Amino acid sequence: MKKKLTTVDFHGTPEQEAKLLEVIAKYDGVKGKMMPILQEAQDIYGYLPFEVQKIIAEKTDTPVEEIYGIATFYSQFKLNPNGEYSIAVCLGTACYVKGSAAVLEEISKELGVEVGSTSPDGKYSLEATRCIGACGLAPVMTVNGDVYGRLTKDQVPGILAKYR
């Protein structure tokens, strides 16, 4: 699934920007610098907001479209901050075969949050993930690290009620 960049109020601090500029300077002239720059930028901000991508683009003389392409291609990068409740549904083979796509769709419908985005109030973020290593419990979802397994879409409203 393609990640979606949603409009989230970005409130970076001057200290974060100073750290970002240090990271960019550290990799000046280094071949293959974009991946470590993006990784460290995400460590600083918790995700890669468009404003940060623009700074990286300007300071590295790289088109912002290229940076966005890297950030959306690799699943390790997030374009939106995690919500208060970070929900992830495994779409690995075992989970998918046992119905995780229907579970994911139901969560999205129940919360009104698109996959790969965060609710406008910052309460929920929803991600589709690949195998999380709990295949015996397929299909699986996590909420802030709590694992729910052997799910059906009918169980989704009850689980989400705990986080409302």
N, C-alpha and C. Protein backbone atom coordinates (compact mmCIF):
# COMPACT_ATOMS: atom_id res chain seq x y z
N MET A 1 0.83 -1.18 0.00
CA MET A 1 0.00 0.00 0.00
C MET A 1 0.88 1.24 0.00
N LYS A 2 0.53 2.20 -0.78
CA LYS A 2 1.28 3.44 -0.88
C LYS A 2 0.97 4.30 0.33
N LYS A 3 1.99 4.88 0.91
CA LYS A 3 1.80 5.76 2.05
C LYS A 3 1.16 7.06 1.59
N LYS A 4 0.37 7.63 2.44
CA LYS A 4 -0.30 8.87 2.11
C LYS A 4 0.21 9.98 3.02
N LEU A 5 0.55 11.08 2.42
CA LEU A 5 0.97 12.24 3.20
C LEU A 5 -0.27 13.05 3.52
N THR A 6 -0.59 13.14 4.80
CA THR A 6 -1.76 13.91 5.20
C THR A 6 -1.31 15.22 5.82
N THR A 7 -2.23 16.13 5.92
CA THR A 7 -1.92 17.43 6.51
C THR A 7 -2.00 17.30 8.02
N VAL A 8 -0.86 17.41 8.66
CA VAL A 8 -0.78 17.36 10.10
C VAL A 8 -0.04 18.62 10.50
N ASP A 9 -0.51 19.26 11.55
CA ASP A 9 0.20 20.46 12.01
C ASP A 9 1.60 20.06 12.42
N PHE A 10 2.58 20.69 11.80
CA PHE A 10 3.97 20.39 12.09
C PHE A 10 4.50 21.45 13.04
N HIS A 11 5.06 20.99 14.13
CA HIS A 11 5.59 21.90 15.14
C HIS A 11 7.01 21.50 15.51
N GLY A 12 7.92 21.60 14.53
CA GLY A 12 9.31 21.32 14.81
C GLY A 12 9.91 22.44 15.65
N THR A 13 10.90 22.10 16.45
CA THR A 13 11.55 23.09 17.30
C THR A 13 12.86 23.54 16.65
N PRO A 14 13.36 24.70 17.05
CA PRO A 14 14.67 25.13 16.55
C PRO A 14 15.78 24.12 16.90
N GLU A 15 15.65 23.46 18.05
CA GLU A 15 16.65 22.47 18.46
C GLU A 15 16.63 21.28 17.51
N GLN A 16 15.43 20.84 17.11
CA GLN A 16 15.33 19.73 16.16
C GLN A 16 15.94 20.12 14.82
N GLU A 17 15.65 21.33 14.36
CA GLU A 17 16.21 21.76 13.09
C GLU A 17 17.73 21.84 13.15
N ALA A 18 18.26 22.31 14.27
CA ALA A 18 19.72 22.38 14.43
C ALA A 18 20.33 20.98 14.35
N LYS A 19 19.69 19.99 15.00
CA LYS A 19 20.17 18.61 14.93
C LYS A 19 20.11 18.09 13.51
N LEU A 20 19.02 18.41 12.81
CA LEU A 20 18.88 17.97 11.42
C LEU A 20 20.00 18.54 10.56
N LEU A 21 20.30 19.81 10.73
CA LEU A 21 21.36 20.45 9.95
C LEU A 21 22.72 19.82 10.26
N GLU A 22 22.93 19.42 11.51
CA GLU A 22 24.17 18.72 11.88
C GLU A 22 24.26 17.38 11.17
N VAL A 23 23.14 16.66 11.12
CA VAL A 23 23.11 15.37 10.43
C VAL A 23 23.44 15.54 8.95
N ILE A 24 22.81 16.51 8.33
CA ILE A 24 23.04 16.76 6.90
C ILE A 24 24.51 17.10 6.66
N ALA A 25 25.08 17.93 7.51
CA ALA A 25 26.49 18.31 7.38
C ALA A 25 27.41 17.10 7.57
N LYS A 26 27.03 16.23 8.50
CA LYS A 26 27.85 15.04 8.78
C LYS A 26 28.00 14.16 7.54
N TYR A 27 26.98 14.11 6.71
CA TYR A 27 27.00 13.24 5.53
C TYR A 27 27.36 13.99 4.24
N ASP A 28 27.77 15.24 4.35
CA ASP A 28 28.15 16.01 3.17
C ASP A 28 29.28 15.29 2.43
N GLY A 29 29.07 15.04 1.14
CA GLY A 29 30.08 14.38 0.32
C GLY A 29 30.10 12.87 0.43
N VAL A 30 29.25 12.30 1.25
CA VAL A 30 29.22 10.85 1.43
C VAL A 30 28.30 10.24 0.38
N LYS A 31 28.81 9.23 -0.32
CA LYS A 31 27.99 8.55 -1.31
C LYS A 31 26.91 7.73 -0.58
N GLY A 32 25.68 7.76 -1.11
CA GLY A 32 24.58 7.03 -0.48
C GLY A 32 24.11 7.65 0.82
N LYS A 33 24.23 8.96 0.92
CA LYS A 33 23.92 9.66 2.17
C LYS A 33 22.44 9.77 2.49
N MET A 34 21.57 9.64 1.50
CA MET A 34 20.17 9.95 1.75
C MET A 34 19.51 9.02 2.75
N MET A 35 19.78 7.73 2.68
CA MET A 35 19.16 6.80 3.64
C MET A 35 19.54 7.15 5.08
N PRO A 36 20.83 7.30 5.40
CA PRO A 36 21.14 7.64 6.80
C PRO A 36 20.60 9.01 7.21
N ILE A 37 20.59 9.96 6.29
CA ILE A 37 20.02 11.27 6.63
C ILE A 37 18.54 11.12 6.98
N LEU A 38 17.81 10.40 6.16
CA LEU A 38 16.37 10.23 6.42
C LEU A 38 16.14 9.44 7.71
N GLN A 39 16.96 8.42 7.94
CA GLN A 39 16.81 7.64 9.18
C GLN A 39 17.04 8.51 10.41
N GLU A 40 18.10 9.31 10.36
CA GLU A 40 18.39 10.15 11.52
C GLU A 40 17.38 11.29 11.66
N ALA A 41 16.88 11.79 10.53
CA ALA A 41 15.84 12.82 10.58
C ALA A 41 14.59 12.26 11.25
N GLN A 42 14.24 11.03 10.89
CA GLN A 42 13.07 10.41 11.51
C GLN A 42 13.31 10.18 13.00
N ASP A 43 14.53 9.85 13.39
CA ASP A 43 14.84 9.70 14.81
C ASP A 43 14.64 11.03 15.55
N ILE A 44 14.97 12.12 14.89
CA ILE A 44 14.85 13.45 15.52
C ILE A 44 13.38 13.85 15.66
N TYR A 45 12.59 13.67 14.60
CA TYR A 45 11.22 14.17 14.57
C TYR A 45 10.16 13.10 14.89
N GLY A 46 10.54 11.83 14.79
CA GLY A 46 9.57 10.75 14.99
C GLY A 46 8.87 10.34 13.71
N TYR A 47 9.02 11.12 12.67
CA TYR A 47 8.47 10.85 11.34
C TYR A 47 9.13 11.82 10.38
N LEU A 48 8.75 11.78 9.10
CA LEU A 48 9.37 12.65 8.10
C LEU A 48 8.34 13.61 7.52
N PRO A 49 8.04 14.68 8.24
CA PRO A 49 7.08 15.65 7.71
C PRO A 49 7.62 16.29 6.44
N PHE A 50 6.71 16.76 5.60
CA PHE A 50 7.10 17.36 4.33
C PHE A 50 8.06 18.52 4.54
N GLU A 51 7.86 19.29 5.59
CA GLU A 51 8.74 20.42 5.86
C GLU A 51 10.18 19.97 6.06
N VAL A 52 10.36 18.83 6.71
CA VAL A 52 11.70 18.28 6.93
C VAL A 52 12.28 17.77 5.62
N GLN A 53 11.44 17.14 4.81
CA GLN A 53 11.90 16.68 3.50
C GLN A 53 12.38 17.87 2.66
N LYS A 54 11.68 19.00 2.76
CA LYS A 54 12.08 20.20 2.00
C LYS A 54 13.44 20.72 2.47
N ILE A 55 13.66 20.73 3.77
CA ILE A 55 14.96 21.19 4.30
C ILE A 55 16.07 20.28 3.77
N ILE A 56 15.84 18.97 3.85
CA ILE A 56 16.84 18.02 3.37
C ILE A 56 17.10 18.24 1.88
N ALA A 57 16.04 18.45 1.12
CA ALA A 57 16.17 18.68 -0.32
C ALA A 57 17.03 19.91 -0.59
N GLU A 58 16.71 20.99 0.08
CA GLU A 58 17.45 22.24 -0.13
C GLU A 58 18.92 22.11 0.25
N LYS A 59 19.18 21.50 1.39
CA LYS A 59 20.55 21.43 1.90
C LYS A 59 21.41 20.39 1.20
N THR A 60 20.78 19.41 0.54
CA THR A 60 21.56 18.39 -0.17
C THR A 60 21.50 18.57 -1.68
N ASP A 61 20.80 19.61 -2.12
CA ASP A 61 20.63 19.87 -3.55
C ASP A 61 20.04 18.64 -4.26
N THR A 62 19.00 18.10 -3.64
CA THR A 62 18.29 16.93 -4.16
C THR A 62 16.84 17.32 -4.37
N PRO A 63 16.25 16.93 -5.48
CA PRO A 63 14.83 17.26 -5.67
C PRO A 63 13.97 16.65 -4.56
N VAL A 64 13.04 17.43 -4.06
CA VAL A 64 12.17 16.96 -2.99
C VAL A 64 11.37 15.73 -3.44
N GLU A 65 11.09 15.65 -4.74
CA GLU A 65 10.37 14.48 -5.26
C GLU A 65 11.18 13.20 -5.07
N GLU A 66 12.49 13.31 -5.20
CA GLU A 66 13.35 12.14 -4.99
C GLU A 66 13.33 11.70 -3.53
N ILE A 67 13.38 12.67 -2.64
CA ILE A 67 13.35 12.37 -1.21
C ILE A 67 12.00 11.76 -0.84
N TYR A 68 10.93 12.34 -1.34
CA TYR A 68 9.59 11.80 -1.10
C TYR A 68 9.49 10.37 -1.64
N GLY A 69 10.08 10.13 -2.80
CA GLY A 69 10.07 8.79 -3.39
C GLY A 69 10.76 7.77 -2.51
N ILE A 70 11.88 8.15 -1.93
CA ILE A 70 12.60 7.25 -1.02
C ILE A 70 11.76 7.02 0.23
N ALA A 71 11.22 8.10 0.79
CA ALA A 71 10.44 8.00 2.03
C ALA A 71 9.19 7.16 1.86
N THR A 72 8.61 7.16 0.67
CA THR A 72 7.39 6.37 0.46
C THR A 72 7.69 4.95 0.00
N PHE A 73 8.88 4.73 -0.54
CA PHE A 73 9.24 3.39 -1.01
C PHE A 73 9.59 2.46 0.13
N TYR A 74 10.34 2.94 1.10
CA TYR A 74 10.81 2.09 2.20
C TYR A 74 9.84 2.15 3.37
N SER A 75 9.44 0.96 3.81
CA SER A 75 8.41 0.88 4.86
C SER A 75 8.90 1.38 6.22
N GLN A 76 10.20 1.53 6.39
CA GLN A 76 10.71 2.00 7.68
C GLN A 76 10.41 3.48 7.92
N PHE A 77 10.09 4.21 6.86
CA PHE A 77 9.85 5.64 7.01
C PHE A 77 8.37 5.93 7.18
N LYS A 78 8.08 6.90 8.05
CA LYS A 78 6.71 7.31 8.31
C LYS A 78 6.54 8.75 7.89
N LEU A 79 5.44 9.04 7.21
CA LEU A 79 5.15 10.40 6.78
C LEU A 79 4.25 11.15 7.76
N ASN A 80 3.73 10.43 8.71
CA ASN A 80 2.82 11.03 9.70
C ASN A 80 3.25 10.60 11.09
N PRO A 81 2.99 11.43 12.08
CA PRO A 81 3.34 11.04 13.45
C PRO A 81 2.41 9.92 13.92
N ASN A 82 2.91 9.15 14.88
CA ASN A 82 2.04 8.14 15.48
C ASN A 82 0.96 8.84 16.28
N GLY A 83 -0.21 8.23 16.28
CA GLY A 83 -1.29 8.73 17.11
C GLY A 83 -1.07 8.31 18.55
N GLU A 84 -1.92 8.80 19.42
CA GLU A 84 -1.88 8.36 20.82
C GLU A 84 -2.00 6.84 20.87
N TYR A 85 -2.84 6.31 19.99
CA TYR A 85 -2.98 4.86 19.84
C TYR A 85 -2.49 4.49 18.44
N SER A 86 -1.37 3.78 18.41
CA SER A 86 -0.76 3.37 17.15
C SER A 86 -1.24 1.95 16.84
N ILE A 87 -2.03 1.83 15.79
CA ILE A 87 -2.63 0.54 15.43
C ILE A 87 -1.96 0.03 14.16
N ALA A 88 -1.56 -1.23 14.20
CA ALA A 88 -0.92 -1.86 13.05
C ALA A 88 -1.58 -3.21 12.80
N VAL A 89 -1.88 -3.48 11.55
CA VAL A 89 -2.47 -4.76 11.16
C VAL A 89 -1.50 -5.46 10.22
N CYS A 90 -1.19 -6.71 10.54
CA CYS A 90 -0.25 -7.48 9.73
C CYS A 90 -0.94 -7.93 8.44
N LEU A 91 -0.27 -7.67 7.33
CA LEU A 91 -0.74 -8.15 6.03
C LEU A 91 0.24 -9.16 5.44
N GLY A 92 1.05 -9.77 6.30
CA GLY A 92 1.93 -10.85 5.86
C GLY A 92 1.09 -12.01 5.36
N THR A 93 1.72 -12.95 4.71
CA THR A 93 0.98 -14.03 4.04
C THR A 93 0.00 -14.76 4.95
N ALA A 94 0.45 -15.25 6.10
CA ALA A 94 -0.43 -16.02 6.98
C ALA A 94 -1.62 -15.18 7.44
N CYS A 95 -1.37 -13.94 7.81
CA CYS A 95 -2.45 -13.06 8.27
C CYS A 95 -3.40 -12.71 7.13
N TYR A 96 -2.83 -12.41 5.99
CA TYR A 96 -3.64 -12.02 4.84
C TYR A 96 -4.58 -13.15 4.42
N VAL A 97 -4.04 -14.35 4.35
CA VAL A 97 -4.84 -15.52 3.95
C VAL A 97 -5.99 -15.76 4.94
N LYS A 98 -5.77 -15.42 6.20
CA LYS A 98 -6.79 -15.65 7.22
C LYS A 98 -7.69 -14.44 7.47
N GLY A 99 -7.59 -13.41 6.60
CA GLY A 99 -8.57 -12.33 6.66
C GLY A 99 -8.14 -11.00 7.23
N SER A 100 -6.85 -10.74 7.31
CA SER A 100 -6.41 -9.48 7.91
C SER A 100 -6.83 -8.25 7.10
N ALA A 101 -7.00 -8.40 5.79
CA ALA A 101 -7.43 -7.25 4.97
C ALA A 101 -8.81 -6.77 5.42
N ALA A 102 -9.70 -7.71 5.73
CA ALA A 102 -11.04 -7.34 6.20
C ALA A 102 -10.97 -6.67 7.58
N VAL A 103 -10.06 -7.14 8.42
CA VAL A 103 -9.86 -6.54 9.75
C VAL A 103 -9.37 -5.10 9.58
N LEU A 104 -8.39 -4.91 8.72
CA LEU A 104 -7.84 -3.58 8.46
C LEU A 104 -8.91 -2.64 7.93
N GLU A 105 -9.70 -3.11 7.00
CA GLU A 105 -10.78 -2.30 6.42
C GLU A 105 -11.80 -1.91 7.49
N GLU A 106 -12.12 -2.83 8.37
CA GLU A 106 -13.08 -2.55 9.44
C GLU A 106 -12.54 -1.50 10.42
N ILE A 107 -11.27 -1.59 10.76
CA ILE A 107 -10.66 -0.61 11.66
C ILE A 107 -10.71 0.77 11.01
N SER A 108 -10.33 0.84 9.75
CA SER A 108 -10.35 2.10 9.02
C SER A 108 -11.75 2.70 9.02
N LYS A 109 -12.74 1.87 8.77
CA LYS A 109 -14.13 2.32 8.75
C LYS A 109 -14.59 2.79 10.13
N GLU A 110 -14.29 2.01 11.15
CA GLU A 110 -14.71 2.33 12.52
C GLU A 110 -14.11 3.65 13.01
N LEU A 111 -12.84 3.88 12.69
CA LEU A 111 -12.15 5.07 13.20
C LEU A 111 -12.19 6.25 12.23
N GLY A 112 -12.54 5.98 10.99
CA GLY A 112 -12.51 7.04 9.99
C GLY A 112 -11.09 7.50 9.68
N VAL A 113 -10.14 6.56 9.75
CA VAL A 113 -8.74 6.86 9.51
C VAL A 113 -8.26 6.00 8.34
N GLU A 114 -7.67 6.64 7.35
CA GLU A 114 -7.14 5.88 6.22
C GLU A 114 -5.85 5.18 6.62
N VAL A 115 -5.60 4.04 5.99
CA VAL A 115 -4.38 3.31 6.24
C VAL A 115 -3.19 4.19 5.87
N GLY A 116 -2.20 4.23 6.76
CA GLY A 116 -1.02 5.04 6.53
C GLY A 116 -1.16 6.47 6.99
N SER A 117 -2.22 6.76 7.74
CA SER A 117 -2.40 8.14 8.19
C SER A 117 -2.76 8.18 9.67
N THR A 118 -2.87 9.41 10.15
CA THR A 118 -3.20 9.67 11.54
C THR A 118 -4.47 10.50 11.58
N SER A 119 -5.34 10.22 12.53
CA SER A 119 -6.58 10.98 12.64
C SER A 119 -6.26 12.45 12.90
N PRO A 120 -7.13 13.36 12.44
CA PRO A 120 -6.86 14.80 12.62
C PRO A 120 -6.66 15.21 14.08
N ASP A 121 -7.30 14.49 15.00
CA ASP A 121 -7.14 14.83 16.42
C ASP A 121 -5.88 14.21 17.03
N GLY A 122 -5.14 13.43 16.23
CA GLY A 122 -3.91 12.81 16.71
C GLY A 122 -4.11 11.61 17.61
N LYS A 123 -5.34 11.14 17.72
CA LYS A 123 -5.62 10.04 18.64
C LYS A 123 -5.23 8.68 18.06
N TYR A 124 -5.46 8.46 16.76
CA TYR A 124 -5.22 7.15 16.15
C TYR A 124 -4.32 7.26 14.93
N SER A 125 -3.39 6.33 14.81
CA SER A 125 -2.66 6.15 13.56
C SER A 125 -2.87 4.69 13.15
N LEU A 126 -2.96 4.48 11.85
CA LEU A 126 -3.27 3.15 11.33
C LEU A 126 -2.28 2.78 10.25
N GLU A 127 -1.61 1.65 10.43
CA GLU A 127 -0.62 1.18 9.48
C GLU A 127 -0.90 -0.27 9.10
N ALA A 128 -0.61 -0.57 7.86
CA ALA A 128 -0.57 -1.96 7.39
C ALA A 128 0.89 -2.36 7.45
N THR A 129 1.18 -3.49 8.08
CA THR A 129 2.57 -3.92 8.22
C THR A 129 2.76 -5.27 7.53
N ARG A 130 3.97 -5.65 7.40
CA ARG A 130 4.31 -6.99 6.93
C ARG A 130 4.49 -7.87 8.15
N CYS A 131 4.90 -9.07 7.95
CA CYS A 131 4.97 -10.08 9.02
C CYS A 131 5.57 -9.52 10.31
N ILE A 132 4.85 -9.74 11.41
CA ILE A 132 5.36 -9.31 12.71
C ILE A 132 5.83 -10.50 13.54
N GLY A 133 5.81 -11.69 12.94
CA GLY A 133 6.34 -12.87 13.60
C GLY A 133 5.38 -13.57 14.54
N ALA A 134 4.09 -13.34 14.38
CA ALA A 134 3.09 -14.00 15.21
C ALA A 134 2.14 -14.81 14.33
N CYS A 135 2.69 -15.51 13.36
CA CYS A 135 1.90 -16.21 12.34
C CYS A 135 0.92 -17.21 12.95
N GLY A 136 1.29 -17.82 14.06
CA GLY A 136 0.40 -18.78 14.71
C GLY A 136 -0.86 -18.15 15.26
N LEU A 137 -0.86 -16.82 15.39
CA LEU A 137 -2.03 -16.10 15.90
C LEU A 137 -2.80 -15.39 14.79
N ALA A 138 -2.45 -15.66 13.55
CA ALA A 138 -3.03 -14.94 12.41
C ALA A 138 -4.55 -15.01 12.38
N PRO A 139 -5.16 -13.88 11.96
CA PRO A 139 -4.60 -12.57 11.68
C PRO A 139 -4.36 -11.77 12.96
N VAL A 140 -3.36 -10.89 12.91
CA VAL A 140 -2.89 -10.18 14.09
C VAL A 140 -2.92 -8.67 13.88
N MET A 141 -3.24 -7.96 14.96
CA MET A 141 -3.10 -6.51 15.00
C MET A 141 -2.44 -6.14 16.31
N THR A 142 -1.80 -4.98 16.33
CA THR A 142 -1.24 -4.47 17.58
C THR A 142 -1.79 -3.06 17.82
N VAL A 143 -1.95 -2.74 19.09
CA VAL A 143 -2.31 -1.39 19.50
C VAL A 143 -1.30 -1.00 20.57
N ASN A 144 -0.45 -0.04 20.23
CA ASN A 144 0.63 0.38 21.12
C ASN A 144 1.41 -0.82 21.66
N GLY A 145 1.64 -1.80 20.80
CA GLY A 145 2.43 -2.97 21.18
C GLY A 145 1.63 -4.12 21.77
N ASP A 146 0.38 -3.89 22.18
CA ASP A 146 -0.46 -4.99 22.67
C ASP A 146 -0.92 -5.79 21.47
N VAL A 147 -0.76 -7.12 21.54
CA VAL A 147 -1.06 -7.98 20.40
C VAL A 147 -2.45 -8.60 20.55
N TYR A 148 -3.20 -8.53 19.46
CA TYR A 148 -4.52 -9.17 19.39
C TYR A 148 -4.45 -10.16 18.23
N GLY A 149 -4.76 -11.42 18.51
CA GLY A 149 -4.64 -12.44 17.48
C GLY A 149 -5.91 -13.21 17.25
N ARG A 150 -5.85 -14.01 16.17
CA ARG A 150 -7.00 -14.82 15.72
C ARG A 150 -8.24 -13.94 15.57
N LEU A 151 -8.04 -12.82 14.90
CA LEU A 151 -9.09 -11.81 14.78
C LEU A 151 -10.07 -12.09 13.66
N THR A 152 -11.26 -11.56 13.85
CA THR A 152 -12.24 -11.45 12.78
C THR A 152 -12.66 -9.99 12.76
N LYS A 153 -13.21 -9.57 11.64
CA LYS A 153 -13.63 -8.16 11.57
C LYS A 153 -14.73 -7.85 12.57
N ASP A 154 -15.50 -8.87 12.98
CA ASP A 154 -16.57 -8.65 13.96
C ASP A 154 -16.03 -8.32 15.35
N GLN A 155 -14.78 -8.66 15.63
CA GLN A 155 -14.18 -8.37 16.93
C GLN A 155 -13.64 -6.94 17.02
N VAL A 156 -13.47 -6.29 15.88
CA VAL A 156 -12.84 -4.97 15.84
C VAL A 156 -13.55 -3.94 16.72
N PRO A 157 -14.88 -3.76 16.64
CA PRO A 157 -15.52 -2.73 17.47
C PRO A 157 -15.27 -2.93 18.97
N GLY A 158 -15.29 -4.16 19.43
CA GLY A 158 -15.05 -4.43 20.86
C GLY A 158 -13.63 -4.08 21.28
N ILE A 159 -12.67 -4.41 20.43
CA ILE A 159 -11.28 -4.09 20.75
C ILE A 159 -11.08 -2.58 20.76
N LEU A 160 -11.60 -1.90 19.74
CA LEU A 160 -11.41 -0.45 19.64
C LEU A 160 -12.12 0.29 20.77
N ALA A 161 -13.17 -0.28 21.32
CA ALA A 161 -13.90 0.36 22.43
C ALA A 161 -12.98 0.62 23.61
N LYS A 162 -11.98 -0.23 23.79
CA LYS A 162 -11.02 -0.05 24.90
C LYS A 162 -10.17 1.21 24.74
N TYR A 163 -10.10 1.72 23.51
CA TYR A 163 -9.21 2.85 23.22
C TYR A 163 -9.97 4.11 22.85
N ARG A 164 -11.24 4.16 23.13
CA ARG A 164 -12.04 5.34 22.78
C ARG A 164 -12.08 6.32 23.93
